[in-house]
Amino acid sequence: MNINQLKYVLEIAGSSSMREASTKLYVSQPALSASIRELEEELGILIFERTNKGISLTAEGRDFISYAKKAVGQYEILEDRYLSKDTDKERFSVSTQHYNFAIKAFTELIRAADPIKYIFSIHETKTKEVLNDVRSMKSEVGIISFSGSNEAVIKKLFRDYGLEFTPLMRRETYVYLWKDHPFAGKKEISIDEMRDYPCVSFDQSDDSNLYLTEEAMSDYSFDKMIKSDDRATSMEIIAELNGFSIGSGMLSGEDAILQGLTDIKLKEEDPLIIGYIIRKGSSLSKYGELYVEELLKYKEL
């Protein structure tokens, strides 16, 4: 088993056919098929089921691919750190849900440290990726939130992944509406009042990740629901369809004002606890420590 075979498996799993995967990998289809068969024989399992309709992952294959993703991710981190032509540059990485303070802390870190040469990364991504990025060391620090709806699940993942969570702030639950919405200007509103309008939610792309949502009221069954994984698209939908979003998961207060949205306090309470995660027992780099110092400036709890 080698790293190329693991990369092949991941590419095939994400493609519609072996032909598509071979094209993306710049490997002939016969050579790709032979490499996968060799891997399956070595492991003693069947990763892909082949039929005249194409290929699909077997149960064993789905289990194997979860480990393959981690292995390839770790290899790419090592490759970037030690084999890159930019080995003389300082490195630091953060993964975050969409929060302006996390971005501001990142820019303040760079301004304060002012390294001569660096490659710093900030990944605005989904809940599961934030957890996995810190777990796999892709990022030193992650910014994440949970509400009462998913607190138990998130805290279990913290334990399972060996992560340490430090709370920074508690945010009440709000509804975000476009400034021209019929209810704009109200001081408080209930979900029942919004039942005729679509709720626009940030798509976590996997129904099994329902409880990894970054929004409040995640366990509520809305009559009308639109999922979007692009925030500009979400705002356009809210404007065009008089839709709404709940909590601070989609936008911060500053964004709401800048983009023409208004926020209204939700009568139903499901406050968000927002904080940062690091690997338990880990020693942060000097940039990690500086970033945490910047984050702690926003600490309210």
C-alpha atoms as a PDB file:
ATOM      1  CA  MET A   1       0.000   0.000   0.000  1.00  0.00           C
ATOM      2  CA  ASN A   2       1.348   3.427  -0.915  1.00  0.00           C
ATOM      3  CA  ILE A   3       0.165   7.021  -0.807  1.00  0.00           C
ATOM      4  CA  ASN A   4      -0.631   7.084  -4.530  1.00  0.00           C
ATOM      5  CA  GLN A   5      -3.019   4.159  -4.127  1.00  0.00           C
ATOM      6  CA  LEU A   6      -4.786   5.976  -1.308  1.00  0.00           C
ATOM      7  CA  LYS A   7      -5.092   9.081  -3.488  1.00  0.00           C
ATOM      8  CA  TYR A   8      -6.452   6.911  -6.305  1.00  0.00           C
ATOM      9  CA  VAL A   9      -9.128   5.457  -4.022  1.00  0.00           C
ATOM     10  CA  LEU A  10     -10.239   8.915  -2.901  1.00  0.00           C
ATOM     11  CA  GLU A  11     -10.392  10.231  -6.461  1.00  0.00           C
ATOM     12  CA  ILE A  12     -12.383   7.233  -7.690  1.00  0.00           C
ATOM     13  CA  ALA A  13     -14.804   7.520  -4.767  1.00  0.00           C
ATOM     14  CA  GLY A  14     -15.423  11.149  -5.680  1.00  0.00           C
ATOM     15  CA  SER A  15     -15.874  10.508  -9.409  1.00  0.00           C
ATOM     16  CA  SER A  16     -18.816   9.231 -11.400  1.00  0.00           C
ATOM     17  CA  SER A  17     -16.753   6.599 -13.209  1.00  0.00           C
ATOM     18  CA  MET A  18     -13.319   5.018 -13.419  1.00  0.00           C
ATOM     19  CA  ARG A  19     -12.793   6.850 -16.693  1.00  0.00           C
ATOM     20  CA  GLU A  20     -13.457  10.220 -15.064  1.00  0.00           C
ATOM     21  CA  ALA A  21     -11.058   9.408 -12.228  1.00  0.00           C
ATOM     22  CA  SER A  22      -8.303   8.290 -14.602  1.00  0.00           C
ATOM     23  CA  THR A  23      -8.661  11.545 -16.545  1.00  0.00           C
ATOM     24  CA  LYS A  24      -8.355  13.639 -13.375  1.00  0.00           C
ATOM     25  CA  LEU A  25      -5.371  11.629 -12.178  1.00  0.00           C
ATOM     26  CA  TYR A  26      -3.615  11.557 -15.572  1.00  0.00           C
ATOM     27  CA  VAL A  27      -3.331   7.781 -15.199  1.00  0.00           C
ATOM     28  CA  SER A  28      -4.526   5.304 -17.827  1.00  0.00           C
ATOM     29  CA  GLN A  29      -7.708   3.468 -16.915  1.00  0.00           C
ATOM     30  CA  PRO A  30      -6.086  -0.017 -17.096  1.00  0.00           C
ATOM     31  CA  ALA A  31      -3.201   1.115 -14.857  1.00  0.00           C
ATOM     32  CA  LEU A  32      -5.628   2.676 -12.384  1.00  0.00           C
ATOM     33  CA  SER A  33      -7.800  -0.446 -12.247  1.00  0.00           C
ATOM     34  CA  ALA A  34      -4.729  -2.653 -11.795  1.00  0.00           C
ATOM     35  CA  SER A  35      -3.436  -0.490  -8.934  1.00  0.00           C
ATOM     36  CA  ILE A  36      -6.771  -0.688  -7.110  1.00  0.00           C
ATOM     37  CA  ARG A  37      -6.979  -4.461  -7.587  1.00  0.00           C
ATOM     38  CA  GLU A  38      -3.460  -4.827  -6.158  1.00  0.00           C
ATOM     39  CA  LEU A  39      -4.472  -2.753  -3.134  1.00  0.00           C
ATOM     40  CA  GLU A  40      -7.614  -4.805  -2.584  1.00  0.00           C
ATOM     41  CA  GLU A  41      -5.650  -8.053  -2.804  1.00  0.00           C
ATOM     42  CA  GLU A  42      -3.064  -6.748  -0.343  1.00  0.00           C
ATOM     43  CA  LEU A  43      -5.725  -5.646   2.142  1.00  0.00           C
ATOM     44  CA  GLY A  44      -7.970  -8.661   1.624  1.00  0.00           C
ATOM     45  CA  ILE A  45     -11.086  -6.526   1.164  1.00  0.00           C
ATOM     46  CA  LEU A  46     -13.210  -5.301  -1.717  1.00  0.00           C
ATOM     47  CA  ILE A  47     -13.173  -1.498  -1.770  1.00  0.00           C
ATOM     48  CA  PHE A  48     -15.278  -1.000  -4.883  1.00  0.00           C
ATOM     49  CA  GLU A  49     -18.135  -3.005  -6.294  1.00  0.00           C
ATOM     50  CA  ARG A  50     -17.979  -3.198 -10.094  1.00  0.00           C
ATOM     51  CA  THR A  51     -21.157  -3.570 -12.149  1.00  0.00           C
ATOM     52  CA  ASN A  52     -22.159  -2.784 -15.708  1.00  0.00           C
ATOM     53  CA  LYS A  53     -23.592   0.461 -14.332  1.00  0.00           C
ATOM     54  CA  GLY A  54     -20.258   1.563 -12.913  1.00  0.00           C
ATOM     55  CA  ILE A  55     -18.494   1.368  -9.556  1.00  0.00           C
ATOM     56  CA  SER A  56     -19.575   2.071  -6.003  1.00  0.00           C
ATOM     57  CA  LEU A  57     -18.049   1.785  -2.554  1.00  0.00           C
ATOM     58  CA  THR A  58     -18.703  -1.362  -0.567  1.00  0.00           C
ATOM     59  CA  ALA A  59     -19.365  -1.215   3.187  1.00  0.00           C
ATOM     60  CA  GLU A  60     -15.709  -2.145   3.759  1.00  0.00           C
ATOM     61  CA  GLY A  61     -14.720   0.483   1.226  1.00  0.00           C
ATOM     62  CA  ARG A  62     -16.613   3.216   3.071  1.00  0.00           C
ATOM     63  CA  ASP A  63     -14.839   2.256   6.275  1.00  0.00           C
ATOM     64  CA  PHE A  64     -11.450   2.174   4.527  1.00  0.00           C
ATOM     65  CA  ILE A  65     -11.951   5.550   2.860  1.00  0.00           C
ATOM     66  CA  SER A  66     -12.489   7.282   6.203  1.00  0.00           C
ATOM     67  CA  TYR A  67      -8.977   6.224   7.219  1.00  0.00           C
ATOM     68  CA  ALA A  68      -7.543   6.939   3.769  1.00  0.00           C
ATOM     69  CA  LYS A  69      -8.729  10.565   3.972  1.00  0.00           C
ATOM     70  CA  LYS A  70      -6.912  11.058   7.261  1.00  0.00           C
ATOM     71  CA  ALA A  71      -3.731   9.413   5.986  1.00  0.00           C
ATOM     72  CA  VAL A  72      -3.648  11.461   2.778  1.00  0.00           C
ATOM     73  CA  GLY A  73      -4.424  14.638   4.725  1.00  0.00           C
ATOM     74  CA  GLN A  74      -1.511  14.007   7.094  1.00  0.00           C
ATOM     75  CA  TYR A  75       0.808  13.210   4.181  1.00  0.00           C
ATOM     76  CA  GLU A  76      -0.126  16.443   2.424  1.00  0.00           C
ATOM     77  CA  ILE A  77       0.601  18.416   5.596  1.00  0.00           C
ATOM     78  CA  LEU A  78       4.059  16.830   5.825  1.00  0.00           C
ATOM     79  CA  GLU A  79       4.620  17.300   2.104  1.00  0.00           C
ATOM     80  CA  ASP A  80       3.746  20.979   2.297  1.00  0.00           C
ATOM     81  CA  ARG A  81       5.865  21.535   5.399  1.00  0.00           C
ATOM     82  CA  TYR A  82       9.022  19.654   4.431  1.00  0.00           C
ATOM     83  CA  LEU A  83       9.030  19.127   0.666  1.00  0.00           C
ATOM     84  CA  SER A  84       7.663  22.466  -0.453  1.00  0.00           C
ATOM     85  CA  LYS A  85       9.964  24.972  -2.114  1.00  0.00           C
ATOM     86  CA  ASP A  86       8.771  27.444   0.540  1.00  0.00           C
ATOM     87  CA  THR A  87      10.380  25.709   3.530  1.00  0.00           C
ATOM     88  CA  ASP A  88      11.986  28.990   4.610  1.00  0.00           C
ATOM     89  CA  LYS A  89       8.598  30.614   5.220  1.00  0.00           C
ATOM     90  CA  GLU A  90       6.707  30.772   8.510  1.00  0.00           C
ATOM     91  CA  ARG A  91       3.437  28.842   8.593  1.00  0.00           C
ATOM     92  CA  PHE A  92       0.204  29.117  10.534  1.00  0.00           C
ATOM     93  CA  SER A  93      -3.336  27.968   9.825  1.00  0.00           C
ATOM     94  CA  VAL A  94      -6.790  28.570  11.306  1.00  0.00           C
ATOM     95  CA  SER A  95     -10.129  26.933  10.497  1.00  0.00           C
ATOM     96  CA  THR A  96     -13.338  28.734  11.387  1.00  0.00           C
ATOM     97  CA  GLN A  97     -17.048  28.941  10.996  1.00  0.00           C
ATOM     98  CA  HIS A  98     -18.163  32.299   9.602  1.00  0.00           C
ATOM     99  CA  TYR A  99     -17.313  34.846  12.295  1.00  0.00           C
ATOM    100  CA  ASN A 100     -15.859  38.271  11.614  1.00  0.00           C
ATOM    101  CA  PHE A 101     -13.958  38.397  14.898  1.00  0.00           C
ATOM    102  CA  ALA A 102     -12.003  35.270  13.869  1.00  0.00           C
ATOM    103  CA  ILE A 103     -10.912  36.998  10.657  1.00  0.00           C
ATOM    104  CA  LYS A 104     -10.067  40.229  12.481  1.00  0.00           C
ATOM    105  CA  ALA A 105      -7.974  38.317  15.039  1.00  0.00           C
ATOM    106  CA  PHE A 106      -6.150  36.669  12.132  1.00  0.00           C
ATOM    107  CA  THR A 107      -5.306  39.981  10.477  1.00  0.00           C
ATOM    108  CA  GLU A 108      -4.268  41.492  13.824  1.00  0.00           C
ATOM    109  CA  LEU A 109      -1.938  38.521  14.391  1.00  0.00           C
ATOM    110  CA  ILE A 110      -0.201  39.142  11.071  1.00  0.00           C
ATOM    111  CA  ARG A 111       0.030  42.871  11.766  1.00  0.00           C
ATOM    112  CA  ALA A 112       1.506  42.288  15.236  1.00  0.00           C
ATOM    113  CA  ALA A 113       3.939  39.478  14.299  1.00  0.00           C
ATOM    114  CA  ASP A 114       4.930  40.962  10.935  1.00  0.00           C
ATOM    115  CA  PRO A 115       6.992  37.934   9.793  1.00  0.00           C
ATOM    116  CA  ILE A 116       9.374  38.531   6.883  1.00  0.00           C
ATOM    117  CA  LYS A 117       8.287  35.476   4.887  1.00  0.00           C
ATOM    118  CA  TYR A 118       5.154  33.480   5.606  1.00  0.00           C
ATOM    119  CA  ILE A 119       2.339  31.314   4.315  1.00  0.00           C
ATOM    120  CA  PHE A 120      -0.632  31.791   6.643  1.00  0.00           C
ATOM    121  CA  SER A 121      -4.002  30.180   5.945  1.00  0.00           C
ATOM    122  CA  ILE A 122      -7.529  30.818   7.191  1.00  0.00           C
ATOM    123  CA  HIS A 123     -10.161  28.293   6.162  1.00  0.00           C
ATOM    124  CA  GLU A 124     -13.782  29.399   6.450  1.00  0.00           C
ATOM    125  CA  THR A 125     -15.519  26.060   6.392  1.00  0.00           C
ATOM    126  CA  LYS A 126     -18.150  23.786   7.869  1.00  0.00           C
ATOM    127  CA  THR A 127     -18.404  22.452  11.393  1.00  0.00           C
ATOM    128  CA  LYS A 128     -17.091  18.980  10.645  1.00  0.00           C
ATOM    129  CA  GLU A 129     -14.129  20.359   8.708  1.00  0.00           C
ATOM    130  CA  VAL A 130     -13.207  22.723  11.543  1.00  0.00           C
ATOM    131  CA  LEU A 131     -13.124  19.746  13.926  1.00  0.00           C
ATOM    132  CA  ASN A 132     -11.193  17.558  11.495  1.00  0.00           C
ATOM    133  CA  ASP A 133      -8.733  20.306  10.546  1.00  0.00           C
ATOM    134  CA  VAL A 134      -7.670  20.824  14.156  1.00  0.00           C
ATOM    135  CA  ARG A 135      -7.716  17.106  14.882  1.00  0.00           C
ATOM    136  CA  SER A 136      -5.456  16.377  11.887  1.00  0.00           C
ATOM    137  CA  MET A 137      -3.173  19.373  12.566  1.00  0.00           C
ATOM    138  CA  LYS A 138      -4.119  21.056   9.321  1.00  0.00           C
ATOM    139  CA  SER A 139      -4.974  24.002  11.565  1.00  0.00           C
ATOM    140  CA  GLU A 140      -3.623  24.864  15.010  1.00  0.00           C
ATOM    141  CA  VAL A 141      -6.772  26.654  16.128  1.00  0.00           C
ATOM    142  CA  GLY A 142     -10.429  26.307  15.186  1.00  0.00           C
ATOM    143  CA  ILE A 143     -13.352  28.660  15.830  1.00  0.00           C
ATOM    144  CA  ILE A 144     -16.604  26.833  16.461  1.00  0.00           C
ATOM    145  CA  SER A 145     -20.023  27.238  18.074  1.00  0.00           C
ATOM    146  CA  PHE A 146     -22.823  25.116  19.439  1.00  0.00           C
ATOM    147  CA  SER A 147     -26.297  25.680  20.820  1.00  0.00           C
ATOM    148  CA  GLY A 148     -28.475  23.726  23.204  1.00  0.00           C
ATOM    149  CA  SER A 149     -29.759  21.767  20.203  1.00  0.00           C
ATOM    150  CA  ASN A 150     -26.387  20.158  19.476  1.00  0.00           C
ATOM    151  CA  GLU A 151     -24.290  20.791  22.587  1.00  0.00           C
ATOM    152  CA  ALA A 152     -24.170  17.141  23.670  1.00  0.00           C
ATOM    153  CA  VAL A 153     -23.067  15.926  20.221  1.00  0.00           C
ATOM    154  CA  ILE A 154     -20.393  18.603  19.795  1.00  0.00           C
ATOM    155  CA  LYS A 155     -18.949  18.053  23.269  1.00  0.00           C
ATOM    156  CA  LYS A 156     -18.773  14.312  22.619  1.00  0.00           C
ATOM    157  CA  LEU A 157     -16.819  15.020  19.430  1.00  0.00           C
ATOM    158  CA  PHE A 158     -14.458  17.255  21.405  1.00  0.00           C
ATOM    159  CA  ARG A 159     -13.726  14.288  23.685  1.00  0.00           C
ATOM    160  CA  ASP A 160     -13.511  11.747  20.862  1.00  0.00           C
ATOM    161  CA  TYR A 161     -11.188  13.954  18.800  1.00  0.00           C
ATOM    162  CA  GLY A 162      -8.985  14.962  21.726  1.00  0.00           C
ATOM    163  CA  LEU A 163      -9.896  18.647  21.462  1.00  0.00           C
ATOM    164  CA  GLU A 164     -10.015  21.315  24.142  1.00  0.00           C
ATOM    165  CA  PHE A 165     -12.725  23.992  23.884  1.00  0.00           C
ATOM    166  CA  THR A 166     -12.472  27.469  25.397  1.00  0.00           C
ATOM    167  CA  PRO A 167     -15.707  29.502  25.364  1.00  0.00           C
ATOM    168  CA  LEU A 168     -15.452  33.139  24.346  1.00  0.00           C
ATOM    169  CA  MET A 169     -18.966  34.485  24.086  1.00  0.00           C
ATOM    170  CA  ARG A 170     -22.680  33.675  24.319  1.00  0.00           C
ATOM    171  CA  ARG A 171     -24.955  35.025  21.621  1.00  0.00           C
ATOM    172  CA  GLU A 172     -28.732  35.207  21.765  1.00  0.00           C
ATOM    173  CA  THR A 173     -30.858  33.866  18.913  1.00  0.00           C
ATOM    174  CA  TYR A 174     -31.854  36.272  16.154  1.00  0.00           C
ATOM    175  CA  VAL A 175     -33.715  36.127  12.863  1.00  0.00           C
ATOM    176  CA  TYR A 176     -32.002  37.799   9.903  1.00  0.00           C
ATOM    177  CA  LEU A 177     -34.337  39.415   7.362  1.00  0.00           C
ATOM    178  CA  TRP A 178     -33.857  41.616   4.347  1.00  0.00           C
ATOM    179  CA  LYS A 179     -34.405  45.285   5.193  1.00  0.00           C
ATOM    180  CA  ASP A 180     -37.566  45.415   3.005  1.00  0.00           C
ATOM    181  CA  HIS A 181     -39.204  42.368   4.602  1.00  0.00           C
ATOM    182  CA  PRO A 182     -42.761  42.993   5.929  1.00  0.00           C
ATOM    183  CA  PHE A 183     -41.533  42.173   9.440  1.00  0.00           C
ATOM    184  CA  ALA A 184     -38.416  44.343   9.300  1.00  0.00           C
ATOM    185  CA  GLY A 185     -38.433  46.791  12.169  1.00  0.00           C
ATOM    186  CA  LYS A 186     -40.049  44.456  14.705  1.00  0.00           C
ATOM    187  CA  LYS A 187     -38.258  44.222  18.038  1.00  0.00           C
ATOM    188  CA  GLU A 188     -39.038  40.544  18.572  1.00  0.00           C
ATOM    189  CA  ILE A 189     -40.502  37.732  16.492  1.00  0.00           C
ATOM    190  CA  SER A 190     -41.438  34.064  16.850  1.00  0.00           C
ATOM    191  CA  ILE A 191     -40.778  31.160  14.511  1.00  0.00           C
ATOM    192  CA  ASP A 192     -44.527  30.691  14.142  1.00  0.00           C
ATOM    193  CA  GLU A 193     -44.833  34.195  12.693  1.00  0.00           C
ATOM    194  CA  MET A 194     -42.239  33.248  10.076  1.00  0.00           C
ATOM    195  CA  ARG A 195     -43.913  29.998   8.992  1.00  0.00           C
ATOM    196  CA  ASP A 196     -45.016  31.384   5.588  1.00  0.00           C
ATOM    197  CA  TYR A 197     -41.435  32.331   4.666  1.00  0.00           C
ATOM    198  CA  PRO A 198     -38.519  30.032   3.767  1.00  0.00           C
ATOM    199  CA  CYS A 199     -35.732  29.482   6.260  1.00  0.00           C
ATOM    200  CA  VAL A 200     -32.339  29.661   4.535  1.00  0.00           C
ATOM    201  CA  SER A 201     -29.792  27.414   6.210  1.00  0.00           C
ATOM    202  CA  PHE A 202     -26.070  26.928   5.648  1.00  0.00           C
ATOM    203  CA  ASP A 203     -25.769  23.499   4.028  1.00  0.00           C
ATOM    204  CA  GLN A 204     -23.497  21.055   5.846  1.00  0.00           C
ATOM    205  CA  SER A 205     -23.851  18.735   2.775  1.00  0.00           C
ATOM    206  CA  ASP A 206     -24.622  15.579   4.724  1.00  0.00           C
ATOM    207  CA  ASP A 207     -27.907  14.711   6.420  1.00  0.00           C
ATOM    208  CA  SER A 208     -25.956  12.739   9.021  1.00  0.00           C
ATOM    209  CA  ASN A 209     -24.401  16.063  10.044  1.00  0.00           C
ATOM    210  CA  LEU A 210     -27.720  17.572  11.143  1.00  0.00           C
ATOM    211  CA  TYR A 211     -26.364  18.077  14.638  1.00  0.00           C
ATOM    212  CA  LEU A 212     -23.152  19.667  13.351  1.00  0.00           C
ATOM    213  CA  THR A 213     -25.021  22.731  12.155  1.00  0.00           C
ATOM    214  CA  GLU A 214     -23.570  26.103  13.139  1.00  0.00           C
ATOM    215  CA  GLU A 215     -27.021  27.644  13.509  1.00  0.00           C
ATOM    216  CA  ALA A 216     -29.448  27.783  16.406  1.00  0.00           C
ATOM    217  CA  MET A 217     -32.791  25.898  16.392  1.00  0.00           C
ATOM    218  CA  SER A 218     -31.208  23.106  14.339  1.00  0.00           C
ATOM    219  CA  ASP A 219     -33.691  20.535  15.650  1.00  0.00           C
ATOM    220  CA  TYR A 220     -36.755  22.556  14.625  1.00  0.00           C
ATOM    221  CA  SER A 221     -38.749  21.240  11.654  1.00  0.00           C
ATOM    222  CA  PHE A 222     -39.367  24.203   9.347  1.00  0.00           C
ATOM    223  CA  ASP A 223     -42.188  23.922   6.793  1.00  0.00           C
ATOM    224  CA  LYS A 224     -40.096  25.714   4.181  1.00  0.00           C
ATOM    225  CA  MET A 225     -36.348  25.166   4.113  1.00  0.00           C
ATOM    226  CA  ILE A 226     -33.699  26.195   1.576  1.00  0.00           C
ATOM    227  CA  LYS A 227     -30.113  25.014   2.022  1.00  0.00           C
ATOM    228  CA  SER A 228     -27.234  26.929   0.499  1.00  0.00           C
ATOM    229  CA  ASP A 229     -23.474  26.523   0.846  1.00  0.00           C
ATOM    230  CA  ASP A 230     -22.690  29.992  -0.536  1.00  0.00           C
ATOM    231  CA  ARG A 231     -23.332  33.007   1.670  1.00  0.00           C
ATOM    232  CA  ALA A 232     -23.797  35.485  -1.176  1.00  0.00           C
ATOM    233  CA  THR A 233     -26.410  33.155  -2.671  1.00  0.00           C
ATOM    234  CA  SER A 234     -28.098  32.870   0.719  1.00  0.00           C
ATOM    235  CA  MET A 235     -28.404  36.642   1.004  1.00  0.00           C
ATOM    236  CA  GLU A 236     -29.852  36.910  -2.496  1.00  0.00           C
ATOM    237  CA  ILE A 237     -32.445  34.233  -1.711  1.00  0.00           C
ATOM    238  CA  ILE A 238     -33.388  36.001   1.519  1.00  0.00           C
ATOM    239  CA  ALA A 239     -33.825  39.264  -0.397  1.00  0.00           C
ATOM    240  CA  GLU A 240     -35.766  37.774  -3.329  1.00  0.00           C
ATOM    241  CA  LEU A 241     -38.077  35.418  -1.418  1.00  0.00           C
ATOM    242  CA  ASN A 242     -38.466  37.313   1.865  1.00  0.00           C
ATOM    243  CA  GLY A 243     -36.625  34.452   3.471  1.00  0.00           C
ATOM    244  CA  PHE A 244     -34.800  34.437   6.772  1.00  0.00           C
ATOM    245  CA  SER A 245     -31.872  32.891   8.562  1.00  0.00           C
ATOM    246  CA  ILE A 246     -31.567  32.078  12.253  1.00  0.00           C
ATOM    247  CA  GLY A 247     -28.729  32.802  14.638  1.00  0.00           C
ATOM    248  CA  SER A 248     -25.277  34.211  14.014  1.00  0.00           C
ATOM    249  CA  GLY A 249     -24.224  31.208  11.959  1.00  0.00           C
ATOM    250  CA  MET A 250     -24.743  32.849   8.579  1.00  0.00           C
ATOM    251  CA  LEU A 251     -23.749  36.444   9.257  1.00  0.00           C
ATOM    252  CA  SER A 252     -22.352  38.582  12.019  1.00  0.00           C
ATOM    253  CA  GLY A 253     -24.065  41.787  13.011  1.00  0.00           C
ATOM    254  CA  GLU A 254     -21.608  43.886  11.001  1.00  0.00           C
ATOM    255  CA  ASP A 255     -22.280  41.854   7.850  1.00  0.00           C
ATOM    256  CA  ALA A 256     -26.016  42.152   8.372  1.00  0.00           C
ATOM    257  CA  ILE A 257     -25.820  45.939   8.318  1.00  0.00           C
ATOM    258  CA  LEU A 258     -23.387  46.106   5.388  1.00  0.00           C
ATOM    259  CA  GLN A 259     -25.364  43.680   3.229  1.00  0.00           C
ATOM    260  CA  GLY A 260     -28.833  45.150   3.784  1.00  0.00           C
ATOM    261  CA  LEU A 261     -29.998  42.635   6.348  1.00  0.00           C
ATOM    262  CA  THR A 262     -31.634  43.418   9.657  1.00  0.00           C
ATOM    263  CA  ASP A 263     -31.727  41.308  12.786  1.00  0.00           C
ATOM    264  CA  ILE A 264     -34.707  40.703  15.098  1.00  0.00           C
ATOM    265  CA  LYS A 265     -34.589  38.959  18.473  1.00  0.00           C
ATOM    266  CA  LEU A 266     -36.197  35.518  18.327  1.00  0.00           C
ATOM    267  CA  LYS A 267     -38.714  34.741  21.071  1.00  0.00           C
ATOM    268  CA  GLU A 268     -37.659  31.098  21.134  1.00  0.00           C
ATOM    269  CA  GLU A 269     -34.281  30.923  22.837  1.00  0.00           C
ATOM    270  CA  ASP A 270     -31.408  28.669  21.720  1.00  0.00           C
ATOM    271  CA  PRO A 271     -28.296  30.757  22.407  1.00  0.00           C
ATOM    272  CA  LEU A 272     -24.985  29.986  20.721  1.00  0.00           C
ATOM    273  CA  ILE A 273     -21.788  29.434  22.673  1.00  0.00           C
ATOM    274  CA  ILE A 274     -18.840  30.501  20.503  1.00  0.00           C
ATOM    275  CA  GLY A 275     -15.233  29.678  21.271  1.00  0.00           C
ATOM    276  CA  TYR A 276     -12.010  28.153  20.013  1.00  0.00           C
ATOM    277  CA  ILE A 277     -10.586  24.641  19.946  1.00  0.00           C
ATOM    278  CA  ILE A 278      -7.029  23.348  20.048  1.00  0.00           C
ATOM    279  CA  ARG A 279      -5.627  19.843  20.350  1.00  0.00           C
ATOM    280  CA  LYS A 280      -5.665  18.770  23.985  1.00  0.00           C
ATOM    281  CA  GLY A 281      -2.197  18.846  25.523  1.00  0.00           C
ATOM    282  CA  SER A 282      -0.638  20.446  22.440  1.00  0.00           C
ATOM    283  CA  SER A 283       1.977  23.198  22.516  1.00  0.00           C
ATOM    284  CA  LEU A 284       0.997  26.066  20.272  1.00  0.00           C
ATOM    285  CA  SER A 285       3.489  27.757  17.996  1.00  0.00           C
ATOM    286  CA  LYS A 286       4.311  31.386  18.676  1.00  0.00           C
ATOM    287  CA  TYR A 287       1.714  32.321  16.052  1.00  0.00           C
ATOM    288  CA  GLY A 288      -0.866  30.055  17.630  1.00  0.00           C
ATOM    289  CA  GLU A 289      -0.250  31.725  20.988  1.00  0.00           C
ATOM    290  CA  LEU A 290      -0.511  35.189  19.446  1.00  0.00           C
ATOM    291  CA  TYR A 291      -3.736  34.257  17.676  1.00  0.00           C
ATOM    292  CA  VAL A 292      -5.268  32.965  20.909  1.00  0.00           C
ATOM    293  CA  GLU A 293      -4.231  36.216  22.604  1.00  0.00           C
ATOM    294  CA  GLU A 294      -6.147  38.114  19.928  1.00  0.00           C
ATOM    295  CA  LEU A 295      -9.188  35.850  20.345  1.00  0.00           C
ATOM    296  CA  LEU A 296      -9.185  36.364  24.119  1.00  0.00           C
ATOM    297  CA  LYS A 297      -9.702  40.082  23.540  1.00  0.00           C
ATOM    298  CA  TYR A 298     -13.260  39.116  22.530  1.00  0.00           C
ATOM    299  CA  LYS A 299     -13.827  36.898  25.567  1.00  0.00           C
ATOM    300  CA  GLU A 300     -17.034  37.732  27.435  1.00  0.00           C
ATOM    301  CA  LEU A 301     -17.548  34.527  29.435  1.00  0.00           C
END
